[in-house]
Amino acid sequence: MSDINILVIEDEQKIARVLELELNYEGYQVTKAHTGYDGLEWYREKSWDLILLDIMLPEMSGVEILRRIRKDDNQTPILLLTAKDSIEDKVTGLDLGANDYITKPFQIEELLARIRAALRQTHSQENEEQTEWLAFADLKLNEGTREVYRGERFIELTPREFDLLVYFLNNKKQVLNREQILDAVWGFDYVGDTNVVDVYVRYLRKKVDADTENEIIHTVRGVGYVLKDTYEAKK
């Protein structure tokens, strides 16, 4: 059984039951509500991966439920179910933050496809948000997408240059000697001259500190290197 929880807010009990059976068969966990107030209460009870929301409901309309949910929650995907095949209802729902709509009567295969699409989109957005940027001064680096920017300028790095910059960013303002850098970036089993560090720092510096007065990769004579902005480095 999937750990994806879907809330179905639908007043027609036969339709709600069919949806429950079909969604259960697909592996989703389903909770049903048959009135607007019950639906809103169930929404507040727990976190939901997706909500199927009928527009025409007793006690409180689906549009009002959508409005209230979207005041505080822009993340939970909401698919509108409506017997009204009017442009106005669809536009209103989408303007209020619905992710999609489907008009009754609908084919269950189409509904399932739209549910999968909404869940994929949400999962993609969550992954993107979880991908953190490392930053220092006006330099930023994304480990997930391997993008590097200095201000608005995109910087293309080799894999080794990228790993070296990640190490600097994770240890900014700390003086790092060549052995530390070699162990972290090349590995403990590296056999070779520590001068390789100097060579790659020079490559990296040409790309990162090009066309800027605020150089951030500095040499500490007799020791190694430090990521620090020019003003601090001159103190």
Protein backbone atom coordinates (compact mmCIF):
# COMPACT_ATOMS: atom_id res chain seq x y z
CA MET A 1 0.00 0.00 0.00
CA SER A 2 1.28 3.45 -0.93
CA ASP A 3 1.93 6.09 1.71
CA ILE A 4 0.24 8.71 -0.50
CA ASN A 5 -2.83 10.10 1.26
CA ILE A 6 -5.69 11.53 -0.80
CA LEU A 7 -8.67 13.41 0.64
CA VAL A 8 -11.85 13.08 -1.44
CA ILE A 9 -14.45 15.77 -0.70
CA GLU A 10 -17.52 14.71 -2.68
CA ASP A 11 -21.17 14.84 -1.61
CA GLU A 12 -22.44 12.19 -4.03
CA GLN A 13 -21.73 9.08 -2.01
CA LYS A 14 -21.81 6.68 -4.97
CA ILE A 15 -19.18 8.75 -6.79
CA ALA A 16 -17.11 9.05 -3.63
CA ARG A 17 -17.25 5.28 -3.13
CA VAL A 18 -16.19 4.60 -6.73
CA LEU A 19 -13.29 7.02 -6.34
CA GLU A 20 -12.27 5.35 -3.09
CA LEU A 21 -12.29 1.89 -4.67
CA GLU A 22 -10.37 2.97 -7.77
CA LEU A 23 -7.79 4.93 -5.80
CA ASN A 24 -7.34 2.10 -3.30
CA TYR A 25 -6.80 -0.26 -6.22
CA GLU A 26 -4.03 2.06 -7.47
CA GLY A 27 -2.41 1.87 -4.04
CA TYR A 28 -3.47 5.25 -2.62
CA GLN A 29 -4.86 5.71 0.88
CA VAL A 30 -8.20 7.51 0.77
CA THR A 31 -10.33 9.44 3.25
CA LYS A 32 -13.81 10.61 2.22
CA ALA A 33 -15.85 13.62 3.30
CA HIS A 34 -19.39 14.34 2.05
CA THR A 35 -19.94 17.95 3.16
CA GLY A 36 -17.90 21.11 2.87
CA TYR A 37 -17.45 21.49 6.63
CA ASP A 38 -16.41 17.87 7.08
CA GLY A 39 -13.96 18.22 4.21
CA LEU A 40 -12.36 21.29 5.74
CA GLU A 41 -12.14 19.57 9.13
CA TRP A 42 -10.48 16.51 7.59
CA TYR A 43 -8.04 18.79 5.74
CA ARG A 44 -7.01 20.34 9.06
CA GLU A 45 -6.60 16.95 10.75
CA LYS A 46 -3.48 15.84 8.88
CA SER A 47 -1.18 16.40 5.92
CA TRP A 48 -2.45 15.35 2.49
CA ASP A 49 -0.57 14.53 -0.68
CA LEU A 50 -3.54 15.51 -2.85
CA ILE A 51 -7.17 16.66 -2.52
CA LEU A 52 -10.03 15.84 -4.90
CA LEU A 53 -12.55 18.62 -4.31
CA ASP A 54 -16.09 18.80 -5.68
CA ILE A 55 -17.29 22.35 -6.36
CA MET A 56 -20.98 21.82 -5.50
CA LEU A 57 -21.09 20.76 -1.84
CA PRO A 58 -23.62 21.16 1.00
CA GLU A 59 -22.78 23.49 3.91
CA MET A 60 -19.73 25.05 2.20
CA SER A 61 -18.85 25.22 -1.49
CA GLY A 62 -15.70 23.73 -2.93
CA VAL A 63 -14.67 27.20 -4.08
CA GLU A 64 -14.83 28.49 -0.49
CA ILE A 65 -12.86 25.48 0.78
CA LEU A 66 -10.24 26.11 -1.90
CA ARG A 67 -10.06 29.77 -0.91
CA ARG A 68 -9.53 28.93 2.77
CA ILE A 69 -6.91 26.27 2.08
CA ARG A 70 -4.91 28.53 -0.21
CA LYS A 71 -4.72 31.27 2.43
CA ASP A 72 -2.06 29.25 4.25
CA ASP A 73 -1.21 26.31 2.00
CA ASN A 74 0.09 26.72 -1.54
CA GLN A 75 1.72 23.31 -1.66
CA THR A 76 -0.99 20.64 -1.45
CA PRO A 77 -2.20 19.80 -4.97
CA ILE A 78 -5.95 20.26 -5.40
CA LEU A 79 -7.97 18.87 -8.31
CA LEU A 80 -11.49 20.22 -8.76
CA LEU A 81 -14.37 17.92 -9.63
CA THR A 82 -17.34 19.69 -11.18
CA ALA A 83 -20.54 18.89 -13.00
CA LYS A 84 -20.52 22.42 -14.35
CA ASP A 85 -18.85 22.54 -17.72
CA SER A 86 -18.47 26.31 -17.70
CA ILE A 87 -15.38 28.37 -18.38
CA GLU A 88 -16.20 30.67 -15.46
CA ASP A 89 -16.04 27.90 -12.85
CA LYS A 90 -12.79 26.58 -14.24
CA VAL A 91 -11.15 30.00 -14.40
CA THR A 92 -12.31 30.87 -10.88
CA GLY A 93 -10.90 27.63 -9.51
CA LEU A 94 -7.57 28.00 -11.28
CA ASP A 95 -7.29 31.65 -10.24
CA LEU A 96 -7.81 30.61 -6.62
CA GLY A 97 -4.96 28.13 -6.85
CA ALA A 98 -6.41 24.81 -8.02
CA ASN A 99 -3.82 22.70 -9.81
CA ASP A 100 -6.27 21.17 -12.28
CA TYR A 101 -9.93 20.38 -12.85
CA ILE A 102 -11.94 17.57 -14.37
CA THR A 103 -15.57 17.73 -15.47
CA LYS A 104 -18.15 15.10 -14.56
CA PRO A 105 -18.80 12.61 -15.97
CA PHE A 106 -15.15 11.66 -16.38
CA GLN A 107 -13.23 8.56 -17.32
CA ILE A 108 -11.37 7.16 -14.31
CA GLU A 109 -8.23 6.66 -16.45
CA GLU A 110 -8.14 10.39 -17.19
CA LEU A 111 -8.59 11.27 -13.53
CA LEU A 112 -5.81 8.89 -12.50
CA ALA A 113 -3.50 10.39 -15.12
CA ARG A 114 -4.17 13.90 -13.81
CA ILE A 115 -3.55 12.76 -10.25
CA ARG A 116 -0.21 11.23 -11.25
CA ALA A 117 0.75 14.42 -13.10
CA ALA A 118 -0.08 16.60 -10.09
CA LEU A 119 1.88 14.35 -7.74
CA ARG A 120 4.89 14.34 -10.10
CA GLN A 121 4.86 18.12 -10.31
CA THR A 122 4.72 18.48 -6.54
CA HIS A 123 7.53 15.94 -6.08
CA SER A 124 9.67 17.80 -8.62
CA GLN A 125 9.10 21.12 -6.85
CA GLU A 126 9.97 19.58 -3.47
CA ASN A 127 13.21 18.17 -4.86
CA GLU A 128 14.10 21.54 -6.33
CA GLU A 129 13.44 23.29 -3.04
CA GLN A 130 15.53 20.73 -1.16
CA THR A 131 18.49 21.33 -3.44
CA GLU A 132 20.46 23.88 -1.47
CA TRP A 133 22.80 26.53 -2.82
CA LEU A 134 26.21 27.09 -1.26
CA ALA A 135 27.04 30.78 -1.32
CA PHE A 136 29.76 33.27 -0.42
CA ALA A 137 29.79 36.96 -1.35
CA ASP A 138 28.20 37.03 -4.83
CA LEU A 139 29.29 33.47 -5.62
CA LYS A 140 26.73 30.66 -5.48
CA LEU A 141 26.95 26.97 -6.30
CA ASN A 142 24.26 24.29 -6.61
CA GLU A 143 25.54 20.79 -5.86
CA GLY A 144 22.48 19.13 -7.36
CA THR A 145 22.49 20.87 -10.73
CA ARG A 146 26.25 21.65 -10.65
CA GLU A 147 25.56 25.28 -11.56
CA VAL A 148 28.01 27.98 -10.50
CA TYR A 149 27.41 31.73 -10.72
CA ARG A 150 29.45 34.80 -9.81
CA GLY A 151 26.77 37.44 -9.72
CA GLU A 152 24.86 36.93 -12.96
CA ARG A 153 27.85 35.34 -14.71
CA PHE A 154 27.66 31.57 -15.24
CA ILE A 155 30.95 29.78 -14.58
CA GLU A 156 31.76 26.51 -16.30
CA LEU A 157 34.02 24.26 -14.22
CA THR A 158 35.65 20.88 -14.71
CA PRO A 159 34.59 18.17 -12.22
CA ARG A 160 37.80 18.60 -10.20
CA GLU A 161 37.48 22.40 -10.14
CA PHE A 162 33.87 22.01 -9.03
CA ASP A 163 34.81 19.68 -6.16
CA LEU A 164 37.57 22.04 -5.11
CA LEU A 165 35.18 24.98 -5.01
CA VAL A 166 32.65 22.96 -2.99
CA TYR A 167 35.38 22.24 -0.44
CA PHE A 168 36.29 25.93 -0.21
CA LEU A 169 32.63 26.90 0.22
CA ASN A 170 32.11 24.33 2.95
CA ASN A 171 35.17 25.72 4.75
CA LYS A 172 34.91 29.42 3.96
CA LYS A 173 37.14 31.80 5.93
CA GLN A 174 39.22 28.84 7.16
CA VAL A 175 42.85 28.62 6.13
CA LEU A 176 43.32 25.25 4.42
CA ASN A 177 46.73 23.70 3.85
CA ARG A 178 47.60 21.72 0.72
CA GLU A 179 47.43 18.37 2.49
CA GLN A 180 43.90 19.05 3.75
CA ILE A 181 42.76 20.06 0.28
CA LEU A 182 44.48 17.08 -1.32
CA ASP A 183 42.87 14.61 1.08
CA ALA A 184 39.38 16.14 0.71
CA VAL A 185 39.31 16.68 -3.05
CA TRP A 186 41.71 14.08 -4.46
CA GLY A 187 41.32 11.45 -1.75
CA PHE A 188 43.51 9.89 0.92
CA ASP A 189 44.94 7.38 -1.52
CA TYR A 190 46.21 10.03 -3.94
CA VAL A 191 49.86 9.53 -4.87
CA GLY A 192 51.45 12.58 -6.40
CA ASP A 193 52.86 16.03 -5.89
CA THR A 194 50.94 18.48 -3.70
CA ASN A 195 51.70 21.07 -6.39
CA VAL A 196 48.59 19.75 -8.16
CA VAL A 197 46.61 21.75 -5.61
CA ASP A 198 48.38 24.97 -6.64
CA VAL A 199 47.71 24.22 -10.30
CA TYR A 200 43.97 23.67 -9.79
CA VAL A 201 43.59 26.62 -7.44
CA ARG A 202 45.14 28.76 -10.18
CA TYR A 203 42.68 27.36 -12.73
CA LEU A 204 39.77 27.96 -10.36
CA ARG A 205 40.88 31.46 -9.44
CA LYS A 206 41.05 32.49 -13.11
CA LYS A 207 37.41 31.50 -13.54
CA VAL A 208 35.92 32.55 -10.21
CA ASP A 209 37.80 35.81 -9.67
CA ALA A 210 37.79 36.97 -13.29
CA ASP A 211 36.35 40.43 -13.98
CA THR A 212 35.85 41.34 -10.34
CA GLU A 213 37.63 43.57 -7.84
CA ASN A 214 36.50 41.39 -4.97
CA GLU A 215 38.79 38.38 -5.30
CA ILE A 216 37.74 35.65 -2.89
CA ILE A 217 40.35 32.90 -3.30
CA HIS A 218 43.50 34.00 -1.49
CA THR A 219 46.93 32.51 -0.92
CA VAL A 220 48.20 32.31 2.63
CA ARG A 221 51.98 32.24 2.22
CA GLY A 222 53.66 29.19 3.64
CA VAL A 223 50.34 27.57 4.54
CA GLY A 224 47.74 27.21 1.80
CA TYR A 225 44.56 28.97 0.75
CA VAL A 226 41.47 30.64 2.16
CA LEU A 227 38.08 31.69 0.79
CA LYS A 228 37.65 35.23 2.03
CA ASP A 229 36.58 38.48 0.43
CA THR A 230 39.23 41.03 -0.48
CA TYR A 231 38.29 43.55 2.21
CA GLU A 232 38.57 40.97 5.01
CA ALA A 233 41.77 39.57 3.55
CA LYS A 234 43.44 43.00 3.78
CA LYS A 235 42.61 43.50 7.45
